[in-house]
Structures are given as structure tokens and as C-alpha cells.
Amino acid sequence: MSVVLEIDGLEVRTRGGQRLLRGVSLSVETGETHGLVGESGAGKSMIGKAVAGILPRGVTVTDGSIRLDGQDLLALGRTKRRRLVGERVAIIPQDPLTALNPCRRIGGQITDRLIHILGWDAKRARLRAAELLEEVAIRDPARVLNAYPHEISGGMRQRVLIAAAFAAEPALIIADEPTTALDVTVQKQVLRLIGDLQARHGTALLFVTHDMGVVAKLCPSLTVLYAGHVVDQGKAARIFGPAPHPYARALIAATPRYDRPEESLLPVPQDVIDALDREVAQADGAHG
């Protein structure tokens, strides 16, 4: 397998100097699903935004490299980087209602990538859009293509975003907590759908989530983050094994078990947090 995405020593800071990512390194191979997991604010989505080149205003990459298909994105000019990322990377965002343009029909929001990235004509793009909706198990795709986002359900909107992400056959898809806004039943369907499409298309998938249960089902490898710092990384079989890192163990224990509703939710122990804070402080001191 070839490496699609390689991140090495990535550091991201705010304009005021606050470190948001601390020397993050990871790689994702063709066809691989790699999970990014951690609590809210751990830096998971920040990694995806750094790859896509959509960091918030006042936030910049200050060190490290991001290679896509062997090309260092940070060494490219803005125009070349946007073109390469547009052709090779797609994003499945967290909230489909805000991600879709409420004033445009669904069809146009899928065909945009095919027309502007692949150079297809409108008729061919429209036919492919209908095929994609069928791939994501949407019945009556002709009706949905003509619908506005508010005219379809939340689960269908998320399926539309998944179809749009796979439309131009990207090398890498960044899925940023794509099931957070969905109920549990629809979450399961959408996760299975993403996994099936990813396997069928051979696309590399960077899956951002706070849910260790989702990671266990979907991601053969993962990176565990705390405060922008890599706590643990490797094969899921080891991290979910009998002797995981204390923070990974705490995240697993904190995951609700729907088959055991009587069990209490367990927060991450304070001694684990204290140890991580010391580790992060030492890393900050070492790098200045």
C-alpha cells in the first residue's frame, strides 16, 4: 500500500502563540481507515482543517509538514495547494443542515465537484449524482436531486454529504464526527454506509470522533489525542487490548454501553488528567 497522507511534527498555534497542536505525526495508507480520538478540544478537527487548508483566522501552522500523495502541501503556493486539495481531498462535515446550502437544490451541490474538479458537463454530472444517491441507499434519487435540504430528513442529508464526498473519487476523505447530529439508529446505518463505500472505492479515511465505540468498529488504527498532544498511536487491537494507555483506558470506560444501560458513566480520573497535563507541560518546555 502507498501512503496517501503523512503528517510529521505538525505544530499549530494561534496568533497569540497558544499551541493547539504539539508535534503531531501520523500516516494514512490507501484504503486505510485511521481514527482520531480524544475529548472535545483535543485537536482532532484541527488536524483535519490543517490538512484541508481551512484553519480558522488567526491560526497557522508553525512547524512540521503535511504530505499528500508525497507532495508537501505547506511548500505549495496557495493556488496550487487549493487545486490539489480540491482534487484529492473531500470532507464529510459534522452537521449536514449547516453544511448544505439551504438555497440550492441537492443536485447542484453534488454535481459542483464533478463539474468544477473533473470538468464534466452538467448532464453527465447529473447522471453520476443520481448513481451516487443510489449508492448511499437513497430511494427515488430523481426527487432528492430536485429537493432543497430542508425537504429531506437529517439522515438523508448526511447521506447526501457522503455521496458528495465520494463524487470525485478523492484519495482521502476526512470525516469530522459525521454522526454526531444523528440518532443512534441512523448513526449505525451511516457508519456502515461509510465503511462499505470506503472499502468499495479504496479511499483513505481519516475519521474524527470522540466515541471509542465507533473507533472500535470502524478504525483498524488510531491516534489518541489530549490537548493537541499524541498520547498513544497504533493498531486498534493493541489500544483496545488488555493493557492500553491509562488515558485510552479511561476513554473506553467513559463510553456509554447501550447494552448495559444500568451502568454509570465514568469520567476520566483526575490522576490521569494530572499526569497528561504534566506530560504536555514538559513537551511545551522542551519545544519552547
Protein backbone atom coordinates (compact mmCIF):
# COMPACT_ATOMS: atom_id res chain seq x y z
CA MET A 1 0.00 0.00 0.00
CA SER A 2 1.11 3.58 -0.65
CA VAL A 3 0.93 6.38 1.91
CA VAL A 4 -1.74 8.92 0.97
CA LEU A 5 -1.37 11.26 3.94
CA GLU A 6 1.77 11.76 6.01
CA ILE A 7 1.89 14.32 8.81
CA ASP A 8 5.22 14.89 10.53
CA GLY A 9 5.81 17.07 13.61
CA LEU A 10 2.79 19.27 12.92
CA GLU A 11 2.52 22.29 15.19
CA VAL A 12 -0.35 24.77 15.04
CA ARG A 13 -0.54 27.99 17.05
CA THR A 14 -2.85 30.94 17.44
CA ARG A 15 -1.65 34.44 16.58
CA GLY A 16 -1.07 34.97 20.29
CA GLY A 17 1.25 31.97 20.49
CA GLN A 18 -1.05 29.40 22.11
CA ARG A 19 -0.16 25.89 20.93
CA LEU A 20 -3.13 23.95 19.58
CA LEU A 21 -1.26 21.01 18.04
CA ARG A 22 2.01 19.81 19.54
CA GLY A 23 4.26 17.88 17.15
CA VAL A 24 1.56 15.62 15.76
CA SER A 25 2.75 12.85 13.43
CA LEU A 26 0.63 10.19 11.69
CA SER A 27 0.19 8.49 8.34
CA VAL A 28 -2.75 7.01 6.45
CA GLU A 29 -2.32 4.48 3.65
CA THR A 30 -4.51 3.85 0.61
CA GLY A 31 -7.74 2.18 1.69
CA GLU A 32 -6.96 2.58 5.40
CA THR A 33 -9.34 4.00 7.98
CA HIS A 34 -7.43 5.85 10.70
CA GLY A 35 -9.25 7.21 13.74
CA LEU A 36 -8.51 10.48 15.53
CA VAL A 37 -9.96 10.23 19.01
CA GLY A 38 -10.00 12.35 22.16
CA GLU A 39 -12.19 14.61 24.23
CA SER A 40 -13.64 17.88 22.92
CA GLY A 41 -10.80 20.36 22.39
CA ALA A 42 -8.17 17.64 21.93
CA GLY A 43 -7.26 18.94 18.46
CA LYS A 44 -8.90 16.24 16.33
CA SER A 45 -10.78 18.56 13.98
CA MET A 46 -7.81 20.96 13.92
CA ILE A 47 -5.72 18.26 12.25
CA GLY A 48 -8.34 17.80 9.54
CA LYS A 49 -8.58 21.55 8.99
CA ALA A 50 -4.81 21.85 8.73
CA VAL A 51 -4.77 19.15 6.05
CA ALA A 52 -7.61 20.78 4.12
CA GLY A 53 -6.11 24.26 4.48
CA ILE A 54 -9.14 25.70 6.25
CA LEU A 55 -7.72 26.69 9.64
CA PRO A 56 -9.65 29.47 11.41
CA ARG A 57 -8.47 33.05 11.01
CA GLY A 58 -5.58 33.80 13.33
CA VAL A 59 -4.50 30.15 13.50
CA THR A 60 -1.48 28.97 11.50
CA VAL A 61 0.85 26.02 11.02
CA THR A 62 4.18 26.97 12.62
CA ASP A 63 6.18 23.78 12.17
CA GLY A 64 6.10 20.34 10.58
CA SER A 65 4.95 19.02 7.23
CA ILE A 66 1.76 17.67 5.63
CA ARG A 67 2.34 15.45 2.60
CA LEU A 68 -0.49 14.40 0.32
CA ASP A 69 0.50 11.78 -2.25
CA GLY A 70 4.10 12.69 -1.46
CA GLN A 71 3.69 16.43 -2.05
CA ASP A 72 4.31 18.79 0.87
CA LEU A 73 1.17 20.92 1.00
CA LEU A 74 2.83 23.56 3.15
CA ALA A 75 5.50 24.13 0.50
CA LEU A 76 2.97 24.79 -2.26
CA GLY A 77 1.59 28.19 -3.19
CA ARG A 78 -1.98 28.93 -2.18
CA THR A 79 -3.47 28.34 -5.64
CA LYS A 80 -1.64 25.05 -6.25
CA ARG A 81 -2.48 23.81 -2.77
CA ARG A 82 -6.18 24.60 -3.15
CA ARG A 83 -6.26 22.83 -6.50
CA LEU A 84 -4.51 19.71 -5.22
CA VAL A 85 -6.61 19.51 -2.06
CA GLY A 86 -9.79 20.14 -4.05
CA GLU A 87 -8.97 17.28 -6.38
CA ARG A 88 -7.65 14.77 -3.84
CA VAL A 89 -9.40 15.50 -0.53
CA ALA A 90 -13.06 15.62 0.48
CA ILE A 91 -14.72 16.31 3.83
CA ILE A 92 -17.81 14.82 5.43
CA PRO A 93 -18.74 17.51 7.99
CA GLN A 94 -20.42 17.13 11.35
CA ASP A 95 -23.73 18.93 10.77
CA PRO A 96 -25.41 18.32 7.40
CA LEU A 97 -28.00 21.05 7.88
CA THR A 98 -25.40 23.81 8.15
CA ALA A 99 -23.04 22.21 5.60
CA LEU A 100 -25.62 22.21 2.81
CA ASN A 101 -26.68 25.48 1.17
CA PRO A 102 -30.38 25.93 2.07
CA CYS A 103 -30.99 28.00 -1.08
CA ARG A 104 -29.74 25.41 -3.58
CA ARG A 105 -31.20 22.10 -4.68
CA ILE A 106 -29.39 18.92 -3.67
CA GLY A 107 -28.42 18.03 -7.25
CA GLY A 108 -26.33 21.13 -7.79
CA GLN A 109 -24.48 20.63 -4.52
CA ILE A 110 -23.32 17.17 -5.61
CA THR A 111 -22.56 17.98 -9.24
CA ASP A 112 -20.39 21.01 -8.33
CA ARG A 113 -17.38 18.79 -7.59
CA LEU A 114 -17.83 16.78 -10.77
CA ILE A 115 -18.16 19.87 -12.97
CA HIS A 116 -15.51 22.09 -11.41
CA ILE A 117 -12.95 19.45 -10.39
CA LEU A 118 -13.31 16.74 -13.03
CA GLY A 119 -14.54 19.03 -15.81
CA TRP A 120 -17.66 17.00 -16.57
CA ASP A 121 -20.60 18.50 -18.42
CA ALA A 122 -23.82 19.11 -16.47
CA LYS A 123 -25.73 16.15 -17.97
CA ARG A 124 -23.04 13.61 -17.20
CA ALA A 125 -22.57 15.02 -13.69
CA ARG A 126 -26.32 14.82 -13.06
CA LEU A 127 -26.43 11.15 -14.06
CA ARG A 128 -23.48 10.38 -11.80
CA ALA A 129 -25.12 12.28 -8.92
CA ALA A 130 -28.19 10.05 -9.25
CA GLU A 131 -25.96 6.96 -9.21
CA LEU A 132 -24.22 8.23 -6.08
CA LEU A 133 -27.52 8.73 -4.28
CA GLU A 134 -28.41 5.15 -5.12
CA GLU A 135 -25.03 4.05 -3.72
CA VAL A 136 -25.87 5.70 -0.41
CA ALA A 137 -29.25 3.90 -0.36
CA ILE A 138 -31.48 6.89 -1.10
CA ARG A 139 -34.71 5.87 -2.77
CA ASP A 140 -36.11 7.97 -5.60
CA PRO A 141 -32.86 9.84 -6.31
CA ALA A 142 -34.52 11.99 -9.01
CA ARG A 143 -36.82 13.51 -6.38
CA VAL A 144 -34.00 14.10 -3.91
CA LEU A 145 -31.81 15.77 -6.55
CA ASN A 146 -34.58 18.34 -7.07
CA ALA A 147 -35.23 18.82 -3.33
CA TYR A 148 -33.91 21.53 -1.04
CA PRO A 149 -32.07 20.44 2.15
CA HIS A 150 -34.99 21.29 4.46
CA GLU A 151 -37.25 18.97 2.43
CA ILE A 152 -35.37 15.81 3.40
CA SER A 153 -34.57 14.18 6.76
CA GLY A 154 -31.35 14.60 8.75
CA GLY A 155 -30.24 11.07 7.90
CA MET A 156 -30.82 11.69 4.21
CA ARG A 157 -28.91 14.99 4.37
CA GLN A 158 -25.92 13.16 5.84
CA ARG A 159 -26.15 10.54 3.08
CA VAL A 160 -26.12 13.37 0.53
CA LEU A 161 -22.90 14.73 2.06
CA ILE A 162 -21.37 11.26 1.93
CA ALA A 163 -22.33 10.95 -1.74
CA ALA A 164 -20.83 14.37 -2.47
CA ALA A 165 -17.60 13.42 -0.68
CA PHE A 166 -17.12 10.29 -2.81
CA ALA A 167 -18.26 12.00 -6.03
CA ALA A 168 -14.86 12.96 -7.47
CA GLU A 169 -13.11 9.77 -6.26
CA PRO A 170 -10.77 11.55 -3.79
CA ALA A 171 -7.65 9.90 -2.43
CA LEU A 172 -8.54 10.96 1.13
CA ILE A 173 -11.80 11.68 2.92
CA ILE A 174 -11.82 13.48 6.28
CA ALA A 175 -14.94 12.51 8.22
CA ASP A 176 -15.36 15.06 11.03
CA GLU A 177 -17.69 13.41 13.56
CA PRO A 178 -20.23 12.71 10.80
CA THR A 179 -22.79 11.00 13.06
CA THR A 180 -22.92 13.46 15.99
CA ALA A 181 -26.15 15.13 14.83
CA LEU A 182 -27.95 11.81 14.18
CA ASP A 183 -29.93 9.50 16.42
CA VAL A 184 -28.40 6.15 17.40
CA THR A 185 -30.24 4.04 14.82
CA VAL A 186 -29.32 6.32 11.92
CA GLN A 187 -25.74 6.58 13.24
CA LYS A 188 -25.31 2.84 12.85
CA GLN A 189 -26.64 2.91 9.28
CA VAL A 190 -24.42 5.84 8.28
CA LEU A 191 -21.29 4.28 9.79
CA ARG A 192 -21.92 1.04 7.93
CA LEU A 193 -22.51 3.02 4.74
CA ILE A 194 -19.24 4.96 5.09
CA GLY A 195 -17.33 1.75 5.74
CA ASP A 196 -18.86 -0.01 2.73
CA LEU A 197 -18.19 2.91 0.36
CA GLN A 198 -14.66 3.39 1.65
CA ALA A 199 -13.87 -0.29 1.06
CA ARG A 200 -15.51 -0.28 -2.38
CA HIS A 201 -13.71 2.84 -3.59
CA GLY A 202 -10.38 2.12 -1.86
CA THR A 203 -10.34 5.60 -0.34
CA ALA A 204 -8.16 6.52 2.63
CA LEU A 205 -10.33 7.74 5.52
CA LEU A 206 -9.34 9.96 8.43
CA PHE A 207 -12.18 9.52 10.91
CA VAL A 208 -12.54 12.16 13.64
CA THR A 209 -14.61 11.16 16.67
CA HIS A 210 -14.80 11.30 20.46
CA ASP A 211 -16.59 7.92 20.58
CA MET A 212 -14.28 4.99 21.30
CA GLY A 213 -17.14 2.61 20.48
CA VAL A 214 -17.27 3.95 16.92
CA VAL A 215 -13.48 3.69 16.60
CA ALA A 216 -13.52 0.07 17.76
CA LYS A 217 -15.95 -0.86 14.99
CA LEU A 218 -14.58 1.23 12.14
CA CYS A 219 -10.87 2.00 12.58
CA PRO A 220 -8.08 -0.62 12.45
CA SER A 221 -5.60 2.07 13.54
CA LEU A 222 -5.93 5.25 15.56
CA THR A 223 -4.27 8.23 17.18
CA VAL A 224 -5.33 9.24 20.70
CA LEU A 225 -5.01 12.98 21.41
CA TYR A 226 -5.07 15.14 24.51
CA ALA A 227 -4.61 18.94 24.32
CA GLY A 228 -3.12 18.67 20.82
CA HIS A 229 -0.57 16.11 22.00
CA VAL A 230 -0.37 12.49 20.77
CA VAL A 231 -0.91 10.28 23.81
CA ASP A 232 -0.99 6.92 22.04
CA GLN A 233 -0.97 5.66 18.48
CA GLY A 234 -1.07 2.35 16.66
CA LYS A 235 -3.25 -0.61 15.87
CA ALA A 236 -6.69 -0.66 17.46
CA ALA A 237 -6.15 -4.27 18.55
CA ARG A 238 -3.36 -3.15 20.88
CA ILE A 239 -5.01 0.04 22.13
CA PHE A 240 -8.24 -1.83 22.90
CA GLY A 241 -6.25 -4.76 24.30
CA PRO A 242 -5.63 -5.81 27.90
CA ALA A 243 -3.03 -3.12 28.71
CA PRO A 244 -3.91 0.17 26.96
CA HIS A 245 -2.51 3.59 27.83
CA PRO A 246 -4.27 4.88 31.00
CA TYR A 247 -5.95 7.70 29.05
CA ALA A 248 -7.16 5.35 26.32
CA ARG A 249 -8.46 3.01 29.03
CA ALA A 250 -10.31 5.92 30.65
CA LEU A 251 -11.89 6.93 27.32
CA ILE A 252 -13.02 3.36 26.73
CA ALA A 253 -14.51 3.19 30.22
CA ALA A 254 -16.29 6.52 29.67
CA THR A 255 -18.05 5.26 26.52
CA PRO A 256 -21.76 4.57 27.18
CA ARG A 257 -22.78 0.93 26.73
CA TYR A 258 -26.21 0.72 25.14
CA ASP A 259 -26.35 -2.97 26.01
CA ARG A 260 -25.74 -2.11 29.68
CA PRO A 261 -27.90 0.97 30.37
CA GLU A 262 -27.77 0.37 34.11
CA GLU A 263 -24.03 1.13 34.26
CA SER A 264 -22.96 4.56 35.47
CA LEU A 265 -20.99 6.91 33.21
CA LEU A 266 -17.37 7.09 34.30
CA PRO A 267 -15.45 10.37 33.88
CA VAL A 268 -11.74 10.36 33.10
CA PRO A 269 -9.98 10.05 36.52
CA GLN A 270 -8.31 13.22 37.76
CA ASP A 271 -4.97 11.48 38.31
CA VAL A 272 -4.88 10.55 34.60
CA ILE A 273 -5.62 14.17 33.64
CA ASP A 274 -2.94 15.46 36.01
CA ALA A 275 -0.36 13.08 34.51
CA LEU A 276 -1.29 14.20 30.98
CA ASP A 277 -1.09 17.87 31.94
CA ARG A 278 2.44 17.28 33.25
CA GLU A 279 3.36 15.46 30.02
CA VAL A 280 2.02 18.32 27.88
CA ALA A 281 3.83 20.91 30.03
CA GLN A 282 7.09 19.01 29.63
CA ALA A 283 6.59 18.85 25.86
CA ASP A 284 5.91 22.61 25.76
CA GLY A 285 9.02 23.28 27.80
CA ALA A 286 11.13 21.13 25.50
CA HIS A 287 9.94 22.94 22.36
CA GLY A 288 9.74 26.47 23.75
